[in-house]
Amino acid sequence: MVQAYILIQTEVGRAANVAEEISSIPGVTQAEDVTGPYDVIVRAQANNVDELGKLVVAQIQAVHGITRTLTCPIVHI
């Protein structure tokens, strides 16, 4: 299982809507609108890195109002 945080920038005024829509996507375990340089922080999981990439590119980035994403896989050292 691969887990990651996805940091999202949105269009002005769209953070709450983006977080709400993303929270219903399978594989997303948490989506919160926040303040700071990013507008939404998502925690997601997938079976492998390829599936995680598909989740981000095909589903999360397709949500209206997103301008940029940064995916940060969780590592266990």
N, C-alpha and C. Protein backbone atom coordinates (compact mmCIF):
# COMPACT_ATOMS: atom_id res chain seq x y z
N MET A 1 0.85 -1.18 0.00
CA MET A 1 0.00 0.00 0.00
C MET A 1 0.89 1.24 0.00
N VAL A 2 0.60 2.16 -0.90
CA VAL A 2 1.31 3.43 -0.99
C VAL A 2 0.37 4.53 -0.52
N GLN A 3 0.88 5.40 0.35
CA GLN A 3 0.10 6.54 0.82
C GLN A 3 0.83 7.82 0.48
N ALA A 4 0.08 8.91 0.30
CA ALA A 4 0.70 10.18 -0.04
C ALA A 4 -0.17 11.33 0.44
N TYR A 5 0.50 12.46 0.63
CA TYR A 5 -0.19 13.72 0.81
C TYR A 5 -0.16 14.43 -0.53
N ILE A 6 -1.26 15.03 -0.91
CA ILE A 6 -1.33 15.78 -2.16
C ILE A 6 -1.68 17.21 -1.78
N LEU A 7 -0.76 18.12 -2.08
CA LEU A 7 -0.94 19.53 -1.77
C LEU A 7 -1.52 20.20 -3.00
N ILE A 8 -2.60 20.94 -2.82
CA ILE A 8 -3.35 21.45 -3.96
C ILE A 8 -3.53 22.97 -3.87
N GLN A 9 -3.28 23.64 -4.97
CA GLN A 9 -3.62 25.04 -5.12
C GLN A 9 -4.87 25.13 -5.98
N THR A 10 -5.77 26.04 -5.61
CA THR A 10 -7.03 26.16 -6.33
C THR A 10 -7.23 27.60 -6.80
N GLU A 11 -8.23 27.76 -7.65
CA GLU A 11 -8.67 29.10 -8.01
C GLU A 11 -9.23 29.77 -6.76
N VAL A 12 -9.17 31.08 -6.72
CA VAL A 12 -9.66 31.84 -5.56
C VAL A 12 -11.12 31.49 -5.28
N GLY A 13 -11.40 31.18 -4.02
CA GLY A 13 -12.77 30.89 -3.60
C GLY A 13 -13.25 29.48 -3.87
N ARG A 14 -12.38 28.59 -4.38
CA ARG A 14 -12.83 27.24 -4.75
C ARG A 14 -12.36 26.16 -3.78
N ALA A 15 -11.58 26.49 -2.75
CA ALA A 15 -10.97 25.48 -1.89
C ALA A 15 -12.00 24.56 -1.24
N ALA A 16 -13.03 25.10 -0.65
CA ALA A 16 -14.04 24.27 0.03
C ALA A 16 -14.73 23.33 -0.95
N ASN A 17 -15.09 23.82 -2.12
CA ASN A 17 -15.74 22.98 -3.12
C ASN A 17 -14.82 21.87 -3.61
N VAL A 18 -13.55 22.23 -3.84
CA VAL A 18 -12.57 21.24 -4.30
C VAL A 18 -12.39 20.16 -3.24
N ALA A 19 -12.22 20.54 -1.98
CA ALA A 19 -12.03 19.57 -0.91
C ALA A 19 -13.25 18.64 -0.80
N GLU A 20 -14.43 19.20 -0.90
CA GLU A 20 -15.65 18.39 -0.81
C GLU A 20 -15.74 17.39 -1.95
N GLU A 21 -15.46 17.84 -3.16
CA GLU A 21 -15.55 16.95 -4.31
C GLU A 21 -14.49 15.85 -4.26
N ILE A 22 -13.28 16.22 -3.88
CA ILE A 22 -12.19 15.24 -3.81
C ILE A 22 -12.45 14.19 -2.74
N SER A 23 -13.08 14.58 -1.64
CA SER A 23 -13.30 13.63 -0.54
C SER A 23 -14.16 12.44 -0.94
N SER A 24 -14.91 12.56 -2.04
CA SER A 24 -15.76 11.45 -2.48
C SER A 24 -15.05 10.51 -3.47
N ILE A 25 -13.81 10.81 -3.84
CA ILE A 25 -13.07 9.98 -4.79
C ILE A 25 -12.52 8.75 -4.08
N PRO A 26 -12.76 7.54 -4.60
CA PRO A 26 -12.20 6.34 -3.98
C PRO A 26 -10.67 6.40 -3.93
N GLY A 27 -10.12 6.07 -2.77
CA GLY A 27 -8.68 6.15 -2.57
C GLY A 27 -8.28 7.36 -1.75
N VAL A 28 -9.16 8.35 -1.69
CA VAL A 28 -8.91 9.54 -0.87
C VAL A 28 -9.42 9.25 0.54
N THR A 29 -8.53 9.35 1.52
CA THR A 29 -8.93 9.07 2.90
C THR A 29 -9.26 10.34 3.67
N GLN A 30 -8.74 11.49 3.21
CA GLN A 30 -9.02 12.75 3.88
C GLN A 30 -8.76 13.90 2.92
N ALA A 31 -9.59 14.94 2.98
CA ALA A 31 -9.40 16.14 2.17
C ALA A 31 -9.84 17.33 3.01
N GLU A 32 -8.91 18.24 3.25
CA GLU A 32 -9.20 19.39 4.11
C GLU A 32 -8.79 20.68 3.40
N ASP A 33 -9.63 21.72 3.49
CA ASP A 33 -9.19 23.02 3.01
C ASP A 33 -8.42 23.70 4.14
N VAL A 34 -7.31 24.33 3.78
CA VAL A 34 -6.38 24.90 4.75
C VAL A 34 -5.97 26.31 4.31
N THR A 35 -5.23 27.01 5.17
CA THR A 35 -4.67 28.30 4.80
C THR A 35 -3.18 28.13 4.56
N GLY A 36 -2.59 29.07 3.85
CA GLY A 36 -1.16 29.01 3.57
C GLY A 36 -0.92 28.94 2.07
N PRO A 37 0.26 28.46 1.67
CA PRO A 37 0.59 28.43 0.24
C PRO A 37 -0.25 27.42 -0.55
N TYR A 38 -0.84 26.45 0.14
CA TYR A 38 -1.73 25.49 -0.51
C TYR A 38 -3.13 25.70 0.05
N ASP A 39 -4.12 25.35 -0.74
CA ASP A 39 -5.51 25.58 -0.36
C ASP A 39 -6.22 24.33 0.15
N VAL A 40 -5.76 23.17 -0.32
CA VAL A 40 -6.35 21.89 0.08
C VAL A 40 -5.22 20.90 0.28
N ILE A 41 -5.31 20.10 1.35
CA ILE A 41 -4.37 19.01 1.57
C ILE A 41 -5.17 17.72 1.61
N VAL A 42 -4.72 16.76 0.81
CA VAL A 42 -5.42 15.47 0.66
C VAL A 42 -4.49 14.36 1.12
N ARG A 43 -5.05 13.38 1.78
CA ARG A 43 -4.32 12.15 2.07
C ARG A 43 -4.99 11.06 1.24
N ALA A 44 -4.16 10.30 0.50
CA ALA A 44 -4.71 9.29 -0.40
C ALA A 44 -3.88 8.01 -0.29
N GLN A 45 -4.48 6.93 -0.75
CA GLN A 45 -3.77 5.64 -0.75
C GLN A 45 -4.12 4.86 -2.00
N ALA A 46 -3.18 4.01 -2.41
CA ALA A 46 -3.37 3.15 -3.58
C ALA A 46 -2.52 1.90 -3.37
N ASN A 47 -2.76 0.90 -4.21
CA ASN A 47 -2.01 -0.36 -4.08
C ASN A 47 -0.55 -0.22 -4.46
N ASN A 48 -0.24 0.68 -5.40
CA ASN A 48 1.14 0.87 -5.83
C ASN A 48 1.31 2.29 -6.39
N VAL A 49 2.54 2.64 -6.73
CA VAL A 49 2.83 3.99 -7.21
C VAL A 49 2.10 4.30 -8.51
N ASP A 50 2.00 3.34 -9.40
CA ASP A 50 1.29 3.57 -10.67
C ASP A 50 -0.18 3.92 -10.43
N GLU A 51 -0.83 3.18 -9.54
CA GLU A 51 -2.23 3.47 -9.23
C GLU A 51 -2.37 4.84 -8.56
N LEU A 52 -1.42 5.19 -7.72
CA LEU A 52 -1.43 6.50 -7.08
C LEU A 52 -1.34 7.59 -8.15
N GLY A 53 -0.44 7.41 -9.10
CA GLY A 53 -0.31 8.38 -10.19
C GLY A 53 -1.59 8.52 -10.99
N LYS A 54 -2.24 7.40 -11.27
CA LYS A 54 -3.51 7.44 -12.01
C LYS A 54 -4.59 8.16 -11.20
N LEU A 55 -4.60 7.93 -9.89
CA LEU A 55 -5.56 8.60 -9.02
C LEU A 55 -5.37 10.12 -9.09
N VAL A 56 -4.13 10.55 -9.01
CA VAL A 56 -3.85 12.00 -9.02
C VAL A 56 -4.15 12.60 -10.39
N VAL A 57 -3.61 12.00 -11.44
CA VAL A 57 -3.72 12.60 -12.78
C VAL A 57 -5.13 12.47 -13.36
N ALA A 58 -5.73 11.30 -13.24
CA ALA A 58 -7.01 11.06 -13.91
C ALA A 58 -8.22 11.52 -13.10
N GLN A 59 -8.09 11.54 -11.77
CA GLN A 59 -9.28 11.85 -10.98
C GLN A 59 -9.15 13.16 -10.20
N ILE A 60 -8.09 13.30 -9.44
CA ILE A 60 -7.96 14.50 -8.61
C ILE A 60 -7.72 15.74 -9.48
N GLN A 61 -6.78 15.68 -10.40
CA GLN A 61 -6.50 16.85 -11.24
C GLN A 61 -7.66 17.20 -12.17
N ALA A 62 -8.61 16.31 -12.33
CA ALA A 62 -9.77 16.58 -13.18
C ALA A 62 -10.84 17.41 -12.47
N VAL A 63 -10.68 17.61 -11.17
CA VAL A 63 -11.67 18.38 -10.41
C VAL A 63 -11.58 19.86 -10.81
N HIS A 64 -12.72 20.44 -11.11
CA HIS A 64 -12.79 21.85 -11.54
C HIS A 64 -12.29 22.76 -10.42
N GLY A 65 -11.41 23.68 -10.76
CA GLY A 65 -10.92 24.67 -9.81
C GLY A 65 -9.51 24.43 -9.34
N ILE A 66 -8.91 23.29 -9.67
CA ILE A 66 -7.54 23.00 -9.27
C ILE A 66 -6.59 23.64 -10.28
N THR A 67 -5.58 24.34 -9.77
CA THR A 67 -4.58 24.94 -10.66
C THR A 67 -3.24 24.22 -10.59
N ARG A 68 -2.92 23.57 -9.46
CA ARG A 68 -1.63 22.88 -9.33
C ARG A 68 -1.70 21.86 -8.21
N THR A 69 -0.99 20.74 -8.40
CA THR A 69 -0.88 19.74 -7.35
C THR A 69 0.58 19.38 -7.12
N LEU A 70 0.88 18.96 -5.91
CA LEU A 70 2.20 18.45 -5.55
C LEU A 70 1.96 17.18 -4.73
N THR A 71 2.44 16.04 -5.25
CA THR A 71 2.23 14.76 -4.59
C THR A 71 3.46 14.41 -3.77
N CYS A 72 3.23 14.10 -2.48
CA CYS A 72 4.31 13.77 -1.55
C CYS A 72 4.08 12.38 -0.98
N PRO A 73 4.69 11.34 -1.58
CA PRO A 73 4.52 9.99 -1.05
C PRO A 73 5.08 9.87 0.36
N ILE A 74 4.41 9.11 1.18
CA ILE A 74 4.86 8.87 2.55
C ILE A 74 5.90 7.76 2.53
N VAL A 75 7.03 8.00 3.21
CA VAL A 75 8.08 6.99 3.29
C VAL A 75 8.23 6.55 4.75
N HIS A 76 8.61 5.31 4.92
CA HIS A 76 8.85 4.76 6.25
C HIS A 76 10.33 4.40 6.34
N ILE A 77 11.08 5.22 7.07
CA ILE A 77 12.53 5.02 7.16
C ILE A 77 12.89 4.25 8.43
